[in-house]
Amino acid sequence: ATAGEQVGVVVPGLGADQVHRGMVLSTGGSAGVVTWFQAKVVMRHVVNGIRRGYEPLCLAHTASFRVRLHRIVKRKTKATGEDWEESPPMLNTGDLAIVE
């Protein structure tokens, strides 16, 4: 199988109720736990603006999980043009941002 394909796997000693959507099958020690990450996001439709502490549902391939917006690193808006605004207080519709 290649990346992104769905496969069926039988692991002795592991029940079907112990496997959940989004889990990764790998050799021992090759995959680690991620506690934070940086992402480039485009705000397509925001009603009241998004601030630090917002908790959206993150979808990545077959996994879905809650994430918390810890920090808005910088953003670019139509008003600022090509300049990045460092540490803005919030994000609005149409903003391009780097967030943690």
Protein backbone atom coordinates (compact mmCIF):
# COMPACT_ATOMS: atom_id res chain seq x y z
CA ALA A 1 0.00 0.00 0.00
CA THR A 2 1.07 3.59 -0.50
CA ALA A 3 0.48 6.65 1.67
CA GLY A 4 -3.22 7.52 1.90
CA GLU A 5 -4.53 4.06 1.04
CA GLN A 6 -6.71 2.17 3.49
CA VAL A 7 -5.60 -1.31 4.50
CA GLY A 8 -6.81 -4.02 6.85
CA VAL A 9 -4.27 -5.25 9.42
CA VAL A 10 -4.48 -7.93 12.11
CA VAL A 11 -2.22 -7.34 15.12
CA PRO A 12 -2.19 -10.24 17.60
CA GLY A 13 -3.24 -9.10 21.07
CA LEU A 14 -4.86 -5.89 19.82
CA GLY A 15 -8.66 -5.78 19.67
CA ALA A 16 -10.71 -3.82 17.13
CA ASP A 17 -12.08 -1.67 20.00
CA GLN A 18 -8.51 -0.50 20.79
CA VAL A 19 -7.92 0.92 17.31
CA HIS A 20 -9.37 4.32 16.47
CA ARG A 21 -9.58 6.44 13.35
CA GLY A 22 -6.39 8.41 12.70
CA MET A 23 -4.03 6.06 14.54
CA VAL A 24 -0.68 5.39 12.87
CA LEU A 25 0.87 1.96 12.36
CA SER A 26 4.69 2.16 12.41
CA THR A 27 7.80 0.36 13.55
CA GLY A 28 8.66 0.85 17.21
CA GLY A 29 10.09 4.27 18.03
CA SER A 30 9.71 5.72 14.53
CA ALA A 31 6.63 7.87 15.27
CA GLY A 32 6.38 10.40 18.09
CA VAL A 33 3.64 12.38 19.78
CA VAL A 34 3.13 15.95 18.59
CA THR A 35 2.19 18.45 21.30
CA TRP A 36 2.25 21.60 19.11
CA PHE A 37 2.77 22.62 15.50
CA GLN A 38 2.83 25.71 13.31
CA ALA A 39 0.35 26.01 10.45
CA LYS A 40 -0.34 28.42 7.61
CA VAL A 41 -4.10 29.03 7.50
CA VAL A 42 -6.49 31.03 5.35
CA MET A 43 -9.59 32.32 7.10
CA ARG A 44 -12.39 31.64 4.61
CA HIS A 45 -15.43 32.69 6.66
CA VAL A 46 -15.19 34.07 10.17
CA VAL A 47 -18.26 35.55 11.87
CA ASN A 48 -16.81 37.43 14.87
CA GLY A 49 -13.05 37.03 14.47
CA ILE A 50 -10.79 34.34 15.91
CA ARG A 51 -8.58 34.97 18.94
CA ARG A 52 -6.08 33.05 21.02
CA GLY A 53 -7.74 30.08 22.76
CA TYR A 54 -10.05 29.19 19.84
CA GLU A 55 -10.49 25.39 19.50
CA PRO A 56 -11.33 24.29 15.93
CA LEU A 57 -11.64 20.71 14.68
CA CYS A 58 -8.51 19.82 12.69
CA LEU A 59 -8.85 17.37 9.78
CA ALA A 60 -5.66 15.72 8.50
CA HIS A 61 -6.01 12.78 6.11
CA THR A 62 -8.15 10.25 8.05
CA ALA A 63 -7.64 11.84 11.48
CA SER A 64 -9.87 14.45 13.11
CA PHE A 65 -8.97 16.05 16.42
CA ARG A 66 -9.42 19.26 18.41
CA VAL A 67 -6.58 21.77 18.46
CA ARG A 68 -6.18 24.97 20.47
CA LEU A 69 -4.96 28.19 18.90
CA HIS A 70 -2.12 29.04 21.27
CA ARG A 71 -0.63 32.01 19.41
CA ILE A 72 -1.14 34.01 16.22
CA VAL A 73 2.45 34.43 15.00
CA LYS A 74 1.70 36.79 12.10
CA ARG A 75 -0.93 37.60 9.52
CA LYS A 76 -1.30 39.19 6.13
CA THR A 77 -4.53 40.98 5.21
CA LYS A 78 -5.83 42.82 2.18
CA ALA A 79 -5.23 46.04 4.12
CA THR A 80 -1.57 45.26 4.89
CA GLY A 81 -0.89 43.92 1.39
CA GLU A 82 2.48 42.18 1.21
CA ASP A 83 3.62 43.12 4.75
CA TRP A 84 3.22 40.64 7.59
CA GLU A 85 1.72 41.97 10.82
CA GLU A 86 3.47 40.39 13.83
CA SER A 87 1.40 39.08 16.80
CA PRO A 88 -2.03 40.42 15.76
CA PRO A 89 -4.83 40.23 18.36
CA MET A 90 -7.30 38.40 16.07
CA LEU A 91 -8.00 36.93 12.61
CA ASN A 92 -10.86 37.87 10.28
CA THR A 93 -12.31 36.62 6.98
CA GLY A 94 -9.73 36.72 4.19
CA ASP A 95 -6.66 36.77 6.45
CA LEU A 96 -3.65 34.58 5.73
CA ALA A 97 -1.87 33.66 8.97
CA ILE A 98 0.85 31.61 10.60
CA VAL A 99 -0.48 30.16 13.87
CA GLU A 100 0.70 27.82 16.63
